[in-house]
Amino acid sequence: QQNYVPIIRNIVINNKTEDVLKNIDIKISFNPETGFAQMPGGAKKFTIRYDEATARYWTLSNNVRDEFFTTVPGNVRNSLVLCSSKNLREWEIHEEVLFHEDVKYHAFQYIDWHVDGNDIVFVSRTSYDDKYGGADSYHNANYCTFHRVENFRKYISQ
């Protein structure tokens, strides 16, 4: 069974709306049996960007380590991994970039990043220890932290 959603695309040319698909019946579909892909950290927010130099899609995501599988996956944000994919369906974990053994009060979350030369620079909403007792939960972060993954392309398996 497939779910169809009609697409209507309009553009504005010289302040006049033009239907670019006026004589074309286009539908997109999604099959829940085949449409989902396994992705490390896919239960939380993530950003994927394409890197032309490697012909891969890259992300920093909150992978759930085996020892935390008894916790709700969306609540596990204490591990941040660098991953890539050639096709957006098959993902490879290259490196664990950040980790803390506690899932209740520690997290690296809502990551956004960019390529800076050969490096990835990223910002994290971080829940971590501080002189006031730390974050009151993994979600209620007490820091905004900045990081760099140097020479990230070196992690590709040959």
N, C-alpha and C. Protein backbone atom coordinates (compact mmCIF):
# COMPACT_ATOMS: atom_id res chain seq x y z
N GLN A 1 0.85 -1.18 0.00
CA GLN A 1 0.00 0.00 0.00
C GLN A 1 0.89 1.24 0.00
N GLN A 2 0.53 2.21 -0.81
CA GLN A 2 1.30 3.44 -0.89
C GLN A 2 0.39 4.62 -0.59
N ASN A 3 0.96 5.61 0.07
CA ASN A 3 0.24 6.85 0.35
C ASN A 3 0.68 7.90 -0.65
N TYR A 4 -0.26 8.49 -1.37
CA TYR A 4 0.08 9.48 -2.38
C TYR A 4 -0.27 10.88 -1.90
N VAL A 5 0.62 11.80 -2.19
CA VAL A 5 0.40 13.20 -1.87
C VAL A 5 0.59 14.00 -3.15
N PRO A 6 -0.41 14.75 -3.59
CA PRO A 6 -0.23 15.55 -4.81
C PRO A 6 0.75 16.69 -4.58
N ILE A 7 1.52 17.00 -5.59
CA ILE A 7 2.47 18.11 -5.53
C ILE A 7 1.96 19.24 -6.42
N ILE A 8 1.96 20.43 -5.89
CA ILE A 8 1.62 21.61 -6.69
C ILE A 8 2.80 22.56 -6.55
N ARG A 9 3.41 22.89 -7.67
CA ARG A 9 4.56 23.79 -7.64
C ARG A 9 4.26 25.02 -8.45
N ASN A 10 4.41 26.14 -7.80
CA ASN A 10 4.23 27.43 -8.47
C ASN A 10 5.50 28.24 -8.34
N ILE A 11 5.77 29.05 -9.32
CA ILE A 11 6.88 29.99 -9.25
C ILE A 11 6.35 31.38 -9.59
N VAL A 12 7.10 32.37 -9.17
CA VAL A 12 6.70 33.75 -9.47
C VAL A 12 7.65 34.29 -10.53
N ILE A 13 7.09 34.70 -11.66
CA ILE A 13 7.86 35.30 -12.75
C ILE A 13 7.22 36.65 -13.06
N ASN A 14 8.03 37.71 -12.94
CA ASN A 14 7.53 39.07 -13.20
C ASN A 14 6.25 39.37 -12.41
N ASN A 15 6.28 39.04 -11.13
CA ASN A 15 5.16 39.29 -10.21
C ASN A 15 3.89 38.53 -10.59
N LYS A 16 4.00 37.49 -11.39
CA LYS A 16 2.84 36.70 -11.79
C LYS A 16 3.14 35.23 -11.46
N THR A 17 2.20 34.58 -10.78
CA THR A 17 2.39 33.18 -10.42
C THR A 17 2.19 32.30 -11.63
N GLU A 18 3.15 31.42 -11.88
CA GLU A 18 3.07 30.48 -13.00
C GLU A 18 3.06 29.06 -12.44
N ASP A 19 2.16 28.23 -12.93
CA ASP A 19 2.11 26.83 -12.57
C ASP A 19 3.08 26.09 -13.48
N VAL A 20 4.22 25.66 -12.91
CA VAL A 20 5.25 25.02 -13.73
C VAL A 20 4.90 23.59 -14.09
N LEU A 21 3.90 23.01 -13.45
CA LEU A 21 3.50 21.64 -13.74
C LEU A 21 2.05 21.56 -14.19
N LYS A 22 1.55 22.59 -14.84
CA LYS A 22 0.11 22.70 -15.11
C LYS A 22 -0.47 21.54 -15.89
N ASN A 23 0.27 20.91 -16.76
CA ASN A 23 -0.26 19.80 -17.54
C ASN A 23 0.37 18.46 -17.17
N ILE A 24 1.00 18.41 -16.02
CA ILE A 24 1.68 17.19 -15.59
C ILE A 24 1.08 16.74 -14.27
N ASP A 25 0.68 15.49 -14.19
CA ASP A 25 0.13 14.92 -12.96
C ASP A 25 1.25 14.16 -12.26
N ILE A 26 1.82 14.77 -11.22
CA ILE A 26 2.94 14.17 -10.50
C ILE A 26 2.48 13.88 -9.08
N LYS A 27 2.83 12.70 -8.61
CA LYS A 27 2.54 12.31 -7.23
C LYS A 27 3.80 11.74 -6.62
N ILE A 28 3.97 11.98 -5.34
CA ILE A 28 5.06 11.33 -4.62
C ILE A 28 4.43 10.26 -3.74
N SER A 29 5.20 9.28 -3.37
CA SER A 29 4.65 8.22 -2.55
C SER A 29 5.63 7.84 -1.46
N PHE A 30 5.10 7.21 -0.43
CA PHE A 30 5.91 6.68 0.65
C PHE A 30 5.36 5.32 1.04
N ASN A 31 6.22 4.35 1.04
CA ASN A 31 5.85 3.01 1.46
C ASN A 31 6.49 2.74 2.81
N PRO A 32 5.70 2.64 3.89
CA PRO A 32 6.28 2.43 5.22
C PRO A 32 7.00 1.10 5.37
N GLU A 33 6.74 0.15 4.48
CA GLU A 33 7.43 -1.14 4.55
C GLU A 33 8.88 -1.03 4.10
N THR A 34 9.16 -0.11 3.17
CA THR A 34 10.51 0.02 2.61
C THR A 34 11.09 1.42 2.74
N GLY A 35 10.30 2.37 3.23
CA GLY A 35 10.70 3.77 3.21
C GLY A 35 11.56 4.23 4.37
N PHE A 36 11.69 3.44 5.40
CA PHE A 36 12.50 3.85 6.55
C PHE A 36 13.90 3.27 6.42
N ALA A 37 14.90 4.02 6.85
CA ALA A 37 16.28 3.55 6.83
C ALA A 37 16.83 3.59 8.26
N GLN A 38 17.63 2.61 8.61
CA GLN A 38 18.30 2.61 9.90
C GLN A 38 19.43 3.64 9.87
N MET A 39 19.46 4.48 10.89
CA MET A 39 20.49 5.51 10.96
C MET A 39 20.89 5.69 12.42
N PRO A 40 22.18 5.64 12.73
CA PRO A 40 22.60 5.87 14.11
C PRO A 40 22.11 7.24 14.59
N GLY A 41 21.37 7.26 15.69
CA GLY A 41 20.88 8.52 16.23
C GLY A 41 19.68 9.10 15.54
N GLY A 42 19.03 8.33 14.69
CA GLY A 42 17.91 8.83 13.90
C GLY A 42 16.68 9.22 14.71
N ALA A 43 16.65 8.88 16.00
CA ALA A 43 15.49 9.23 16.84
C ALA A 43 15.59 10.65 17.40
N LYS A 44 16.69 11.32 17.12
CA LYS A 44 16.89 12.70 17.59
C LYS A 44 17.18 13.62 16.41
N LYS A 45 17.19 14.94 16.69
CA LYS A 45 17.49 15.91 15.65
C LYS A 45 18.91 15.69 15.14
N PHE A 46 19.07 15.83 13.83
CA PHE A 46 20.39 15.72 13.22
C PHE A 46 20.41 16.57 11.95
N THR A 47 21.60 16.88 11.49
CA THR A 47 21.80 17.64 10.27
C THR A 47 22.67 16.80 9.35
N ILE A 48 22.25 16.66 8.10
CA ILE A 48 23.03 15.92 7.10
C ILE A 48 23.47 16.91 6.03
N ARG A 49 24.75 16.82 5.66
CA ARG A 49 25.27 17.66 4.58
C ARG A 49 26.08 16.79 3.62
N TYR A 50 26.04 17.17 2.35
CA TYR A 50 26.79 16.45 1.32
C TYR A 50 28.15 17.08 1.15
N ASP A 51 29.18 16.23 1.04
CA ASP A 51 30.56 16.67 0.84
C ASP A 51 31.03 16.20 -0.53
N GLU A 52 31.23 17.13 -1.45
CA GLU A 52 31.64 16.76 -2.81
C GLU A 52 33.00 16.09 -2.84
N ALA A 53 33.89 16.46 -1.93
CA ALA A 53 35.24 15.89 -1.93
C ALA A 53 35.24 14.39 -1.68
N THR A 54 34.27 13.90 -0.90
CA THR A 54 34.20 12.47 -0.60
C THR A 54 33.03 11.78 -1.28
N ALA A 55 32.17 12.55 -1.91
CA ALA A 55 30.93 12.03 -2.51
C ALA A 55 30.11 11.27 -1.47
N ARG A 56 30.05 11.84 -0.26
CA ARG A 56 29.31 11.22 0.85
C ARG A 56 28.46 12.27 1.56
N TYR A 57 27.43 11.76 2.21
CA TYR A 57 26.63 12.55 3.12
C TYR A 57 27.20 12.34 4.52
N TRP A 58 27.30 13.41 5.30
CA TRP A 58 27.89 13.35 6.63
C TRP A 58 26.90 13.86 7.67
N THR A 59 27.03 13.34 8.88
CA THR A 59 26.24 13.82 10.00
C THR A 59 26.98 13.59 11.30
N LEU A 60 26.60 14.35 12.29
CA LEU A 60 26.98 14.12 13.69
C LEU A 60 25.67 13.80 14.39
N SER A 61 25.57 12.61 14.97
CA SER A 61 24.30 12.18 15.55
C SER A 61 24.51 11.49 16.88
N ASN A 62 23.41 11.36 17.62
CA ASN A 62 23.43 10.74 18.95
C ASN A 62 23.16 9.25 18.86
N ASN A 63 24.20 8.49 18.62
CA ASN A 63 24.09 7.04 18.56
C ASN A 63 23.74 6.49 19.95
N VAL A 64 22.95 5.42 19.98
CA VAL A 64 22.63 4.75 21.24
C VAL A 64 23.54 3.53 21.35
N ARG A 65 24.47 3.57 22.29
CA ARG A 65 25.35 2.42 22.53
C ARG A 65 24.52 1.23 23.04
N ASP A 66 25.05 0.04 22.84
CA ASP A 66 24.35 -1.18 23.26
C ASP A 66 23.93 -1.16 24.73
N GLU A 67 24.78 -0.64 25.61
CA GLU A 67 24.46 -0.66 27.04
C GLU A 67 23.31 0.27 27.42
N PHE A 68 22.87 1.12 26.49
CA PHE A 68 21.76 2.05 26.77
C PHE A 68 20.49 1.69 26.00
N PHE A 69 20.42 0.51 25.40
CA PHE A 69 19.24 0.13 24.62
C PHE A 69 17.99 -0.05 25.47
N THR A 70 18.13 -0.17 26.78
CA THR A 70 16.95 -0.29 27.63
C THR A 70 16.30 1.07 27.90
N THR A 71 16.99 2.15 27.54
CA THR A 71 16.47 3.51 27.69
C THR A 71 15.74 3.89 26.40
N VAL A 72 14.74 4.75 26.49
CA VAL A 72 14.05 5.23 25.30
C VAL A 72 15.08 5.89 24.37
N PRO A 73 15.21 5.41 23.12
CA PRO A 73 16.26 5.92 22.22
C PRO A 73 16.27 7.44 22.08
N GLY A 74 15.10 8.08 22.06
CA GLY A 74 15.05 9.53 21.93
C GLY A 74 15.61 10.28 23.12
N ASN A 75 15.79 9.59 24.24
CA ASN A 75 16.32 10.21 25.45
C ASN A 75 17.82 10.01 25.63
N VAL A 76 18.45 9.25 24.76
CA VAL A 76 19.88 8.96 24.89
C VAL A 76 20.66 9.91 23.99
N ARG A 77 21.35 10.84 24.63
CA ARG A 77 22.08 11.87 23.87
C ARG A 77 23.50 12.06 24.41
N ASN A 78 24.01 11.07 25.11
CA ASN A 78 25.32 11.17 25.75
C ASN A 78 26.47 10.71 24.86
N SER A 79 26.16 10.31 23.65
CA SER A 79 27.19 9.89 22.70
C SER A 79 26.96 10.63 21.39
N LEU A 80 28.01 11.23 20.88
CA LEU A 80 27.93 11.92 19.60
C LEU A 80 28.92 11.27 18.65
N VAL A 81 28.40 10.79 17.51
CA VAL A 81 29.26 10.07 16.56
C VAL A 81 29.29 10.77 15.21
N LEU A 82 30.40 10.63 14.53
CA LEU A 82 30.58 11.11 13.16
C LEU A 82 30.24 9.95 12.23
N CYS A 83 29.27 10.16 11.34
CA CYS A 83 28.81 9.12 10.42
C CYS A 83 28.81 9.64 8.99
N SER A 84 28.87 8.70 8.04
CA SER A 84 28.70 9.07 6.64
C SER A 84 27.95 7.98 5.89
N SER A 85 27.45 8.38 4.73
CA SER A 85 26.70 7.46 3.88
C SER A 85 26.92 7.86 2.42
N LYS A 86 26.97 6.87 1.56
CA LYS A 86 27.05 7.14 0.13
C LYS A 86 25.66 7.34 -0.48
N ASN A 87 24.62 6.81 0.21
CA ASN A 87 23.30 6.78 -0.41
C ASN A 87 22.15 7.20 0.50
N LEU A 88 22.43 7.68 1.68
CA LEU A 88 21.44 8.10 2.68
C LEU A 88 20.64 6.94 3.27
N ARG A 89 20.96 5.71 2.93
CA ARG A 89 20.25 4.55 3.49
C ARG A 89 21.18 3.68 4.33
N GLU A 90 22.43 3.58 3.96
CA GLU A 90 23.39 2.75 4.68
C GLU A 90 24.42 3.68 5.31
N TRP A 91 24.48 3.66 6.65
CA TRP A 91 25.31 4.59 7.40
C TRP A 91 26.46 3.86 8.07
N GLU A 92 27.61 4.52 8.10
CA GLU A 92 28.79 3.99 8.75
C GLU A 92 29.19 4.95 9.88
N ILE A 93 29.37 4.40 11.07
CA ILE A 93 29.89 5.21 12.19
C ILE A 93 31.41 5.20 12.07
N HIS A 94 31.99 6.39 12.02
CA HIS A 94 33.44 6.50 11.87
C HIS A 94 34.16 6.74 13.19
N GLU A 95 33.56 7.55 14.04
CA GLU A 95 34.27 7.96 15.26
C GLU A 95 33.27 8.46 16.29
N GLU A 96 33.48 8.08 17.53
CA GLU A 96 32.71 8.68 18.62
C GLU A 96 33.44 9.95 19.01
N VAL A 97 32.81 11.08 18.79
CA VAL A 97 33.43 12.38 18.97
C VAL A 97 33.34 12.84 20.42
N LEU A 98 32.17 12.66 21.03
CA LEU A 98 31.95 13.03 22.44
C LEU A 98 31.18 11.92 23.13
N PHE A 99 31.48 11.70 24.43
CA PHE A 99 30.78 10.68 25.19
C PHE A 99 30.86 10.99 26.69
N HIS A 100 29.78 10.69 27.40
CA HIS A 100 29.77 10.66 28.86
C HIS A 100 28.96 9.45 29.27
N GLU A 101 29.39 8.75 30.31
CA GLU A 101 28.74 7.49 30.70
C GLU A 101 27.34 7.67 31.29
N ASP A 102 26.97 8.88 31.69
CA ASP A 102 25.65 9.13 32.28
C ASP A 102 24.68 9.65 31.23
N VAL A 103 23.48 9.04 31.16
CA VAL A 103 22.47 9.50 30.20
C VAL A 103 21.44 10.42 30.82
N LYS A 104 21.36 10.44 32.14
CA LYS A 104 20.31 11.20 32.82
C LYS A 104 20.61 12.71 32.87
N TYR A 105 21.87 13.09 33.05
CA TYR A 105 22.23 14.50 33.24
C TYR A 105 23.26 15.01 32.23
N HIS A 106 23.62 14.21 31.26
CA HIS A 106 24.65 14.60 30.30
C HIS A 106 24.19 14.36 28.87
N ALA A 107 24.42 15.35 28.01
CA ALA A 107 23.99 15.23 26.61
C ALA A 107 24.74 16.21 25.73
N PHE A 108 24.86 15.81 24.47
CA PHE A 108 25.39 16.64 23.39
C PHE A 108 24.32 16.59 22.32
N GLN A 109 23.56 17.66 22.16
CA GLN A 109 22.33 17.57 21.37
C GLN A 109 22.10 18.78 20.49
N TYR A 110 21.14 18.61 19.56
CA TYR A 110 20.75 19.66 18.61
C TYR A 110 21.98 20.22 17.87
N ILE A 111 22.80 19.30 17.41
CA ILE A 111 24.06 19.65 16.74
C ILE A 111 23.78 20.32 15.40
N ASP A 112 24.51 21.38 15.14
CA ASP A 112 24.56 21.92 13.79
C ASP A 112 26.03 22.11 13.46
N TRP A 113 26.37 21.97 12.19
CA TRP A 113 27.78 21.95 11.82
C TRP A 113 27.99 22.42 10.39
N HIS A 114 29.26 22.71 10.10
CA HIS A 114 29.68 23.09 8.74
C HIS A 114 31.09 22.56 8.51
N VAL A 115 31.43 22.41 7.25
CA VAL A 115 32.79 22.05 6.88
C VAL A 115 33.61 23.34 6.84
N ASP A 116 34.75 23.31 7.51
CA ASP A 116 35.69 24.43 7.53
C ASP A 116 37.03 23.91 7.03
N GLY A 117 37.25 24.00 5.73
CA GLY A 117 38.47 23.43 5.14
C GLY A 117 38.41 21.91 5.21
N ASN A 118 39.35 21.32 5.97
CA ASN A 118 39.37 19.87 6.15
C ASN A 118 38.70 19.43 7.45
N ASP A 119 38.14 20.37 8.17
CA ASP A 119 37.56 20.08 9.48
C ASP A 119 36.05 20.26 9.46
N ILE A 120 35.40 19.69 10.46
CA ILE A 120 34.00 19.99 10.75
C ILE A 120 34.00 20.81 12.03
N VAL A 121 33.33 21.94 11.99
CA VAL A 121 33.11 22.74 13.20
C VAL A 121 31.64 22.60 13.56
N PHE A 122 31.37 22.45 14.86
CA PHE A 122 29.98 22.25 15.25
C PHE A 122 29.68 22.89 16.60
N VAL A 123 28.41 23.15 16.79
CA VAL A 123 27.90 23.70 18.04
C VAL A 123 26.94 22.68 18.63
N SER A 124 26.97 22.58 19.96
CA SER A 124 26.13 21.63 20.68
C SER A 124 25.43 22.32 21.84
N ARG A 125 24.18 21.99 22.01
CA ARG A 125 23.47 22.35 23.24
C ARG A 125 23.84 21.23 24.21
N THR A 126 24.66 21.55 25.20
CA THR A 126 25.32 20.54 26.03
C THR A 126 24.84 20.59 27.48
N SER A 127 24.51 19.41 27.99
CA SER A 127 24.20 19.23 29.42
C SER A 127 25.41 18.56 30.05
N TYR A 128 26.01 19.25 31.04
CA TYR A 128 27.26 18.74 31.60
C TYR A 128 27.46 19.30 33.00
N ASP A 129 28.44 18.75 33.69
CA ASP A 129 28.76 19.20 35.05
C ASP A 129 29.23 20.66 35.05
N ASP A 130 28.88 21.37 36.11
CA ASP A 130 29.40 22.71 36.33
C ASP A 130 29.47 22.96 37.83
N LYS A 131 29.96 24.12 38.23
CA LYS A 131 30.14 24.41 39.66
C LYS A 131 28.82 24.62 40.40
N TYR A 132 27.70 24.65 39.69
CA TYR A 132 26.39 24.85 40.31
C TYR A 132 25.60 23.56 40.44
N GLY A 133 26.20 22.44 40.10
CA GLY A 133 25.50 21.17 40.20
C GLY A 133 25.15 20.55 38.87
N GLY A 134 25.47 21.21 37.78
CA GLY A 134 25.23 20.64 36.45
C GLY A 134 23.81 20.85 35.96
N ALA A 135 23.54 20.30 34.82
CA ALA A 135 22.20 20.39 34.23
C ALA A 135 21.22 19.59 35.07
N ASP A 136 19.95 20.01 35.11
CA ASP A 136 18.96 19.27 35.91
C ASP A 136 18.39 18.07 35.15
N SER A 137 18.74 17.93 33.87
CA SER A 137 18.39 16.74 33.07
C SER A 137 19.25 16.75 31.81
N TYR A 138 19.21 15.65 31.10
CA TYR A 138 19.95 15.60 29.84
C TYR A 138 19.40 16.64 28.85
N HIS A 139 18.10 16.90 28.92
CA HIS A 139 17.45 17.79 27.95
C HIS A 139 17.65 19.27 28.28
N ASN A 140 17.62 19.61 29.55
CA ASN A 140 17.72 21.02 29.96
C ASN A 140 19.18 21.43 30.07
N ALA A 141 19.76 21.71 28.94
CA ALA A 141 21.20 21.98 28.84
C ALA A 141 21.60 23.24 29.60
N ASN A 142 22.83 23.22 30.06
CA ASN A 142 23.40 24.37 30.76
C ASN A 142 24.59 24.98 30.02
N TYR A 143 24.91 24.48 28.84
CA TYR A 143 26.01 25.02 28.05
C TYR A 143 25.63 25.06 26.57
N CYS A 144 26.30 25.95 25.87
CA CYS A 144 26.35 25.93 24.41
C CYS A 144 27.84 25.80 24.11
N THR A 145 28.25 24.66 23.55
CA THR A 145 29.68 24.39 23.37
C THR A 145 30.03 24.32 21.89
N PHE A 146 31.26 24.67 21.58
CA PHE A 146 31.75 24.68 20.21
C PHE A 146 32.89 23.69 20.10
N HIS A 147 32.93 22.96 18.98
CA HIS A 147 33.91 21.88 18.82
C HIS A 147 34.42 21.83 17.38
N ARG A 148 35.50 21.08 17.22
CA ARG A 148 36.09 20.89 15.89
C ARG A 148 36.51 19.43 15.75
N VAL A 149 36.13 18.81 14.64
CA VAL A 149 36.63 17.48 14.27
C VAL A 149 37.66 17.73 13.19
N GLU A 150 38.93 17.56 13.55
CA GLU A 150 40.00 17.86 12.61
C GLU A 150 40.13 16.77 11.55
N ASN A 151 40.34 17.21 10.33
CA ASN A 151 40.60 16.32 9.20
C ASN A 151 39.59 15.16 9.17
N PHE A 152 38.30 15.49 9.16
CA PHE A 152 37.24 14.49 9.29
C PHE A 152 37.25 13.44 8.17
N ARG A 153 37.75 13.78 7.01
CA ARG A 153 37.73 12.84 5.89
C ARG A 153 38.67 11.64 6.11
N LYS A 154 39.61 11.76 7.03
CA LYS A 154 40.56 10.67 7.29
C LYS A 154 39.86 9.44 7.88
N TYR A 155 38.64 9.60 8.37
CA TYR A 155 37.94 8.51 9.00
C TYR A 155 37.25 7.56 8.03
N ILE A 156 37.26 7.87 6.75
CA ILE A 156 36.64 6.99 5.77
C ILE A 156 37.45 5.70 5.67
N SER A 157 36.77 4.57 5.76
CA SER A 157 37.43 3.27 5.61
C SER A 157 37.86 3.08 4.17
N GLN A 158 39.02 2.60 3.97
CA GLN A 158 39.53 2.37 2.61
C GLN A 158 39.15 0.99 2.12
